[in-house]
Amino acid sequence: MFGSVVRGEARPDSDVDFLVELEPQRTLLDQIALMQSLEELLGRKVDVTEPETSHELIREKVLREAVVL
């Protein structure tokens, strides 16, 4: 997890950011299903990102602040 929630800066309308490493055989539909399940569980919007799809500069910042769950 990373982003405003981890930094303690989340507002009521903030989403929860997750950095995930999906198995290679997983598809975009699997990622969407995961996102929807997390949104239902947490009761707020969720963003699911994979490290390899993030821009290098953003990825470095995310990895520095990420909290492993």
PDB file of N, CA and C in Angstrom:
ATOM      1  N   MET A   1       0.856  -1.146   0.000  1.00  0.00           N
ATOM      2  CA  MET A   1       0.000   0.000   0.000  1.00  0.00           C
ATOM      3  C   MET A   1       0.914   1.224   0.000  1.00  0.00           C
ATOM      4  N   PHE A   2       0.456   2.283  -0.665  1.00  0.00           N
ATOM      5  CA  PHE A   2       1.226   3.513  -0.731  1.00  0.00           C
ATOM      6  C   PHE A   2       0.266   4.677  -0.905  1.00  0.00           C
ATOM      7  N   GLY A   3       0.788   5.857  -0.942  1.00  0.00           N
ATOM      8  CA  GLY A   3      -0.043   7.023  -1.218  1.00  0.00           C
ATOM      9  C   GLY A   3      -0.502   7.745   0.032  1.00  0.00           C
ATOM     10  N   SER A   4      -1.552   8.531  -0.133  1.00  0.00           N
ATOM     11  CA  SER A   4      -2.002   9.424   0.937  1.00  0.00           C
ATOM     12  C   SER A   4      -2.428   8.675   2.194  1.00  0.00           C
ATOM     13  N   VAL A   5      -2.988   7.489   2.060  1.00  0.00           N
ATOM     14  CA  VAL A   5      -3.404   6.722   3.238  1.00  0.00           C
ATOM     15  C   VAL A   5      -2.182   6.353   4.077  1.00  0.00           C
ATOM     16  N   VAL A   6      -1.129   5.883   3.431  1.00  0.00           N
ATOM     17  CA  VAL A   6       0.098   5.501   4.137  1.00  0.00           C
ATOM     18  C   VAL A   6       0.769   6.720   4.772  1.00  0.00           C
ATOM     19  N   ARG A   7       0.735   7.845   4.073  1.00  0.00           N
ATOM     20  CA  ARG A   7       1.378   9.063   4.581  1.00  0.00           C
ATOM     21  C   ARG A   7       0.551   9.764   5.658  1.00  0.00           C
ATOM     22  N   GLY A   8      -0.673   9.290   5.910  1.00  0.00           N
ATOM     23  CA  GLY A   8      -1.545   9.932   6.889  1.00  0.00           C
ATOM     24  C   GLY A   8      -2.163  11.216   6.378  1.00  0.00           C
ATOM     25  N   GLU A   9      -2.259  11.355   5.057  1.00  0.00           N
ATOM     26  CA  GLU A   9      -2.781  12.571   4.438  1.00  0.00           C
ATOM     27  C   GLU A   9      -4.115  12.343   3.728  1.00  0.00           C
ATOM     28  N   ALA A  10      -4.733  11.202   3.945  1.00  0.00           N
ATOM     29  CA  ALA A  10      -5.965  10.863   3.226  1.00  0.00           C
ATOM     30  C   ALA A  10      -7.126  11.735   3.679  1.00  0.00           C
ATOM     31  N   ARG A  11      -7.944  12.091   2.709  1.00  0.00           N
ATOM     32  CA  ARG A  11      -9.190  12.806   2.962  1.00  0.00           C
ATOM     33  C   ARG A  11     -10.328  11.790   2.822  1.00  0.00           C
ATOM     34  N   PRO A  12     -11.534  12.162   3.204  1.00  0.00           N
ATOM     35  CA  PRO A  12     -12.650  11.218   3.072  1.00  0.00           C
ATOM     36  C   PRO A  12     -12.860  10.712   1.641  1.00  0.00           C
ATOM     37  N   ASP A  13     -12.482  11.523   0.641  1.00  0.00           N
ATOM     38  CA  ASP A  13     -12.685  11.113  -0.747  1.00  0.00           C
ATOM     39  C   ASP A  13     -11.425  10.505  -1.378  1.00  0.00           C
ATOM     40  N   SER A  14     -10.373  10.307  -0.593  1.00  0.00           N
ATOM     41  CA  SER A  14      -9.129   9.731  -1.127  1.00  0.00           C
ATOM     42  C   SER A  14      -9.310   8.252  -1.438  1.00  0.00           C
ATOM     43  N   ASP A  15      -8.628   7.816  -2.496  1.00  0.00           N
ATOM     44  CA  ASP A  15      -8.633   6.386  -2.784  1.00  0.00           C
ATOM     45  C   ASP A  15      -7.502   5.720  -2.007  1.00  0.00           C
ATOM     46  N   VAL A  16      -7.523   4.388  -1.998  1.00  0.00           N
ATOM     47  CA  VAL A  16      -6.466   3.612  -1.356  1.00  0.00           C
ATOM     48  C   VAL A  16      -5.632   3.016  -2.480  1.00  0.00           C
ATOM     49  N   ASP A  17      -4.325   3.262  -2.431  1.00  0.00           N
ATOM     50  CA  ASP A  17      -3.419   2.818  -3.489  1.00  0.00           C
ATOM     51  C   ASP A  17      -2.711   1.533  -3.086  1.00  0.00           C
ATOM     52  N   PHE A  18      -2.823   0.527  -3.947  1.00  0.00           N
ATOM     53  CA  PHE A  18      -2.150  -0.750  -3.728  1.00  0.00           C
ATOM     54  C   PHE A  18      -1.171  -1.004  -4.859  1.00  0.00           C
ATOM     55  N   LEU A  19       0.012  -1.441  -4.499  1.00  0.00           N
ATOM     56  CA  LEU A  19       1.019  -1.883  -5.455  1.00  0.00           C
ATOM     57  C   LEU A  19       1.023  -3.401  -5.383  1.00  0.00           C
ATOM     58  N   VAL A  20       0.725  -4.056  -6.498  1.00  0.00           N
ATOM     59  CA  VAL A  20       0.612  -5.519  -6.494  1.00  0.00           C
ATOM     60  C   VAL A  20       1.496  -6.129  -7.568  1.00  0.00           C
ATOM     61  N   GLU A  21       1.944  -7.321  -7.296  1.00  0.00           N
ATOM     62  CA  GLU A  21       2.663  -8.102  -8.295  1.00  0.00           C
ATOM     63  C   GLU A  21       1.789  -9.308  -8.617  1.00  0.00           C
ATOM     64  N   LEU A  22       1.132  -9.238  -9.749  1.00  0.00           N
ATOM     65  CA  LEU A  22       0.248 -10.318 -10.169  1.00  0.00           C
ATOM     66  C   LEU A  22       1.053 -11.414 -10.853  1.00  0.00           C
ATOM     67  N   GLU A  23       0.552 -12.626 -10.754  1.00  0.00           N
ATOM     68  CA  GLU A  23       1.184 -13.741 -11.457  1.00  0.00           C
ATOM     69  C   GLU A  23       1.108 -13.479 -12.956  1.00  0.00           C
ATOM     70  N   PRO A  24       2.103 -13.935 -13.712  1.00  0.00           N
ATOM     71  CA  PRO A  24       2.155 -13.644 -15.158  1.00  0.00           C
ATOM     72  C   PRO A  24       0.897 -14.046 -15.933  1.00  0.00           C
ATOM     73  N   GLN A  25       0.225 -15.096 -15.511  1.00  0.00           N
ATOM     74  CA  GLN A  25      -0.957 -15.549 -16.252  1.00  0.00           C
ATOM     75  C   GLN A  25      -2.207 -14.720 -15.950  1.00  0.00           C
ATOM     76  N   ARG A  26      -2.112 -13.798 -14.983  1.00  0.00           N
ATOM     77  CA  ARG A  26      -3.263 -12.957 -14.646  1.00  0.00           C
ATOM     78  C   ARG A  26      -3.486 -11.908 -15.728  1.00  0.00           C
ATOM     79  N   THR A  27      -4.750 -11.581 -15.955  1.00  0.00           N
ATOM     80  CA  THR A  27      -5.125 -10.651 -17.014  1.00  0.00           C
ATOM     81  C   THR A  27      -5.598  -9.322 -16.428  1.00  0.00           C
ATOM     82  N   LEU A  28      -5.875  -8.389 -17.320  1.00  0.00           N
ATOM     83  CA  LEU A  28      -6.436  -7.110 -16.899  1.00  0.00           C
ATOM     84  C   LEU A  28      -7.776  -7.324 -16.190  1.00  0.00           C
ATOM     85  N   LEU A  29      -8.536  -8.290 -16.636  1.00  0.00           N
ATOM     86  CA  LEU A  29      -9.815  -8.585 -15.977  1.00  0.00           C
ATOM     87  C   LEU A  29      -9.602  -9.050 -14.543  1.00  0.00           C
ATOM     88  N   ASP A  30      -8.548  -9.819 -14.300  1.00  0.00           N
ATOM     89  CA  ASP A  30      -8.216 -10.235 -12.936  1.00  0.00           C
ATOM     90  C   ASP A  30      -7.876  -9.023 -12.071  1.00  0.00           C
ATOM     91  N   GLN A  31      -7.134  -8.083 -12.642  1.00  0.00           N
ATOM     92  CA  GLN A  31      -6.760  -6.874 -11.906  1.00  0.00           C
ATOM     93  C   GLN A  31      -8.001  -6.046 -11.578  1.00  0.00           C
ATOM     94  N   ILE A  32      -8.917  -5.948 -12.515  1.00  0.00           N
ATOM     95  CA  ILE A  32     -10.164  -5.207 -12.281  1.00  0.00           C
ATOM     96  C   ILE A  32     -10.999  -5.894 -11.207  1.00  0.00           C
ATOM     97  N   ALA A  33     -11.068  -7.219 -11.243  1.00  0.00           N
ATOM     98  CA  ALA A  33     -11.818  -7.969 -10.235  1.00  0.00           C
ATOM     99  C   ALA A  33     -11.220  -7.754  -8.846  1.00  0.00           C
ATOM    100  N   LEU A  34      -9.898  -7.746  -8.758  1.00  0.00           N
ATOM    101  CA  LEU A  34      -9.226  -7.491  -7.482  1.00  0.00           C
ATOM    102  C   LEU A  34      -9.579  -6.098  -6.977  1.00  0.00           C
ATOM    103  N   MET A  35      -9.527  -5.124  -7.858  1.00  0.00           N
ATOM    104  CA  MET A  35      -9.842  -3.752  -7.491  1.00  0.00           C
ATOM    105  C   MET A  35     -11.284  -3.645  -6.984  1.00  0.00           C
ATOM    106  N   GLN A  36     -12.212  -4.268  -7.672  1.00  0.00           N
ATOM    107  CA  GLN A  36     -13.614  -4.218  -7.257  1.00  0.00           C
ATOM    108  C   GLN A  36     -13.822  -4.900  -5.906  1.00  0.00           C
ATOM    109  N   SER A  37     -13.156  -6.019  -5.690  1.00  0.00           N
ATOM    110  CA  SER A  37     -13.271  -6.727  -4.408  1.00  0.00           C
ATOM    111  C   SER A  37     -12.734  -5.872  -3.263  1.00  0.00           C
ATOM    112  N   LEU A  38     -11.595  -5.231  -3.489  1.00  0.00           N
ATOM    113  CA  LEU A  38     -11.017  -4.366  -2.459  1.00  0.00           C
ATOM    114  C   LEU A  38     -11.914  -3.161  -2.182  1.00  0.00           C
ATOM    115  N   GLU A  39     -12.527  -2.597  -3.223  1.00  0.00           N
ATOM    116  CA  GLU A  39     -13.434  -1.465  -3.032  1.00  0.00           C
ATOM    117  C   GLU A  39     -14.639  -1.871  -2.192  1.00  0.00           C
ATOM    118  N   GLU A  40     -15.178  -3.050  -2.452  1.00  0.00           N
ATOM    119  CA  GLU A  40     -16.313  -3.535  -1.661  1.00  0.00           C
ATOM    120  C   GLU A  40     -15.901  -3.764  -0.213  1.00  0.00           C
ATOM    121  N   LEU A  41     -14.739  -4.352  -0.015  1.00  0.00           N
ATOM    122  CA  LEU A  41     -14.246  -4.657   1.324  1.00  0.00           C
ATOM    123  C   LEU A  41     -13.964  -3.392   2.131  1.00  0.00           C
ATOM    124  N   LEU A  42     -13.335  -2.404   1.499  1.00  0.00           N
ATOM    125  CA  LEU A  42     -12.913  -1.192   2.200  1.00  0.00           C
ATOM    126  C   LEU A  42     -13.952  -0.075   2.189  1.00  0.00           C
ATOM    127  N   GLY A  43     -14.912  -0.160   1.283  1.00  0.00           N
ATOM    128  CA  GLY A  43     -15.939   0.869   1.202  1.00  0.00           C
ATOM    129  C   GLY A  43     -15.444   2.190   0.650  1.00  0.00           C
ATOM    130  N   ARG A  44     -14.400   2.143  -0.159  1.00  0.00           N
ATOM    131  CA  ARG A  44     -13.887   3.355  -0.812  1.00  0.00           C
ATOM    132  C   ARG A  44     -13.179   2.972  -2.096  1.00  0.00           C
ATOM    133  N   LYS A  45     -12.900   3.970  -2.922  1.00  0.00           N
ATOM    134  CA  LYS A  45     -12.234   3.724  -4.199  1.00  0.00           C
ATOM    135  C   LYS A  45     -10.832   3.184  -3.956  1.00  0.00           C
ATOM    136  N   VAL A  46     -10.408   2.316  -4.875  1.00  0.00           N
ATOM    137  CA  VAL A  46      -9.103   1.666  -4.777  1.00  0.00           C
ATOM    138  C   VAL A  46      -8.402   1.799  -6.119  1.00  0.00           C
ATOM    139  N   ASP A  47      -7.096   2.012  -6.073  1.00  0.00           N
ATOM    140  CA  ASP A  47      -6.272   1.995  -7.275  1.00  0.00           C
ATOM    141  C   ASP A  47      -5.265   0.863  -7.113  1.00  0.00           C
ATOM    142  N   VAL A  48      -5.207  -0.013  -8.106  1.00  0.00           N
ATOM    143  CA  VAL A  48      -4.280  -1.146  -8.092  1.00  0.00           C
ATOM    144  C   VAL A  48      -3.262  -0.924  -9.200  1.00  0.00           C
ATOM    145  N   THR A  49      -1.986  -0.901  -8.833  1.00  0.00           N
ATOM    146  CA  THR A  49      -0.901  -0.625  -9.769  1.00  0.00           C
ATOM    147  C   THR A  49       0.140  -1.726  -9.684  1.00  0.00           C
ATOM    148  N   GLU A  50       0.718  -2.077 -10.824  1.00  0.00           N
ATOM    149  CA  GLU A  50       1.828  -3.027 -10.855  1.00  0.00           C
ATOM    150  C   GLU A  50       3.131  -2.247 -11.031  1.00  0.00           C
ATOM    151  N   PRO A  51       4.205  -2.651 -10.340  1.00  0.00           N
ATOM    152  CA  PRO A  51       5.466  -1.899 -10.430  1.00  0.00           C
ATOM    153  C   PRO A  51       5.965  -1.726 -11.856  1.00  0.00           C
ATOM    154  N   GLU A  52       5.877  -2.757 -12.658  1.00  0.00           N
ATOM    155  CA  GLU A  52       6.441  -2.685 -14.010  1.00  0.00           C
ATOM    156  C   GLU A  52       5.643  -1.801 -14.962  1.00  0.00           C
ATOM    157  N   THR A  53       4.424  -1.414 -14.582  1.00  0.00           N
ATOM    158  CA  THR A  53       3.639  -0.541 -15.451  1.00  0.00           C
ATOM    159  C   THR A  53       3.754   0.930 -15.055  1.00  0.00           C
ATOM    160  N   SER A  54       4.463   1.207 -13.968  1.00  0.00           N
ATOM    161  CA  SER A  54       4.640   2.578 -13.500  1.00  0.00           C
ATOM    162  C   SER A  54       5.879   3.197 -14.136  1.00  0.00           C
ATOM    163  N   HIS A  55       5.820   4.497 -14.355  1.00  0.00           N
ATOM    164  CA  HIS A  55       6.994   5.222 -14.846  1.00  0.00           C
ATOM    165  C   HIS A  55       8.110   5.087 -13.811  1.00  0.00           C
ATOM    166  N   GLU A  56       9.341   5.012 -14.270  1.00  0.00           N
ATOM    167  CA  GLU A  56      10.495   4.755 -13.397  1.00  0.00           C
ATOM    168  C   GLU A  56      10.583   5.718 -12.214  1.00  0.00           C
ATOM    169  N   LEU A  57      10.393   7.012 -12.442  1.00  0.00           N
ATOM    170  CA  LEU A  57      10.492   7.991 -11.354  1.00  0.00           C
ATOM    171  C   LEU A  57       9.377   7.804 -10.335  1.00  0.00           C
ATOM    172  N   ILE A  58       8.190   7.536 -10.815  1.00  0.00           N
ATOM    173  CA  ILE A  58       7.059   7.303  -9.916  1.00  0.00           C
ATOM    174  C   ILE A  58       7.265   6.000  -9.154  1.00  0.00           C
ATOM    175  N   ARG A  59       7.725   4.975  -9.840  1.00  0.00           N
ATOM    176  CA  ARG A  59       7.948   3.662  -9.221  1.00  0.00           C
ATOM    177  C   ARG A  59       8.928   3.777  -8.051  1.00  0.00           C
ATOM    178  N   GLU A  60      10.002   4.539  -8.222  1.00  0.00           N
ATOM    179  CA  GLU A  60      10.985   4.708  -7.145  1.00  0.00           C
ATOM    180  C   GLU A  60      10.354   5.355  -5.917  1.00  0.00           C
ATOM    181  N   LYS A  61       9.545   6.391  -6.126  1.00  0.00           N
ATOM    182  CA  LYS A  61       8.871   7.064  -5.005  1.00  0.00           C
ATOM    183  C   LYS A  61       7.900   6.112  -4.319  1.00  0.00           C
ATOM    184  N   VAL A  62       7.131   5.382  -5.108  1.00  0.00           N
ATOM    185  CA  VAL A  62       6.161   4.435  -4.562  1.00  0.00           C
ATOM    186  C   VAL A  62       6.867   3.369  -3.733  1.00  0.00           C
ATOM    187  N   LEU A  63       7.939   2.810  -4.252  1.00  0.00           N
ATOM    188  CA  LEU A  63       8.654   1.756  -3.537  1.00  0.00           C
ATOM    189  C   LEU A  63       9.277   2.269  -2.238  1.00  0.00           C
ATOM    190  N   ARG A  64       9.670   3.527  -2.197  1.00  0.00           N
ATOM    191  CA  ARG A  64      10.239   4.102  -0.965  1.00  0.00           C
ATOM    192  C   ARG A  64       9.189   4.233   0.134  1.00  0.00           C
ATOM    193  N   GLU A  65       7.968   4.596  -0.242  1.00  0.00           N
ATOM    194  CA  GLU A  65       6.956   4.849   0.785  1.00  0.00           C
ATOM    195  C   GLU A  65       6.016   3.671   1.020  1.00  0.00           C
ATOM    196  N   ALA A  66       6.106   2.647   0.210  1.00  0.00           N
ATOM    197  CA  ALA A  66       5.165   1.526   0.299  1.00  0.00           C
ATOM    198  C   ALA A  66       5.284   0.778   1.627  1.00  0.00           C
ATOM    199  N   VAL A  67       4.139   0.309   2.097  1.00  0.00           N
ATOM    200  CA  VAL A  67       4.049  -0.525   3.287  1.00  0.00           C
ATOM    201  C   VAL A  67       3.561  -1.893   2.829  1.00  0.00           C
ATOM    202  N   VAL A  68       4.300  -2.929   3.182  1.00  0.00           N
ATOM    203  CA  VAL A  68       3.935  -4.288   2.780  1.00  0.00           C
ATOM    204  C   VAL A  68       2.839  -4.801   3.709  1.00  0.00           C
ATOM    205  N   LEU A  69       1.790  -5.349   3.111  1.00  0.00           N
ATOM    206  CA  LEU A  69       0.685  -5.912   3.904  1.00  0.00           C
ATOM    207  C   LEU A  69       0.776  -7.421   3.947  1.00  0.00           C
TER     208      LEU A  69
END
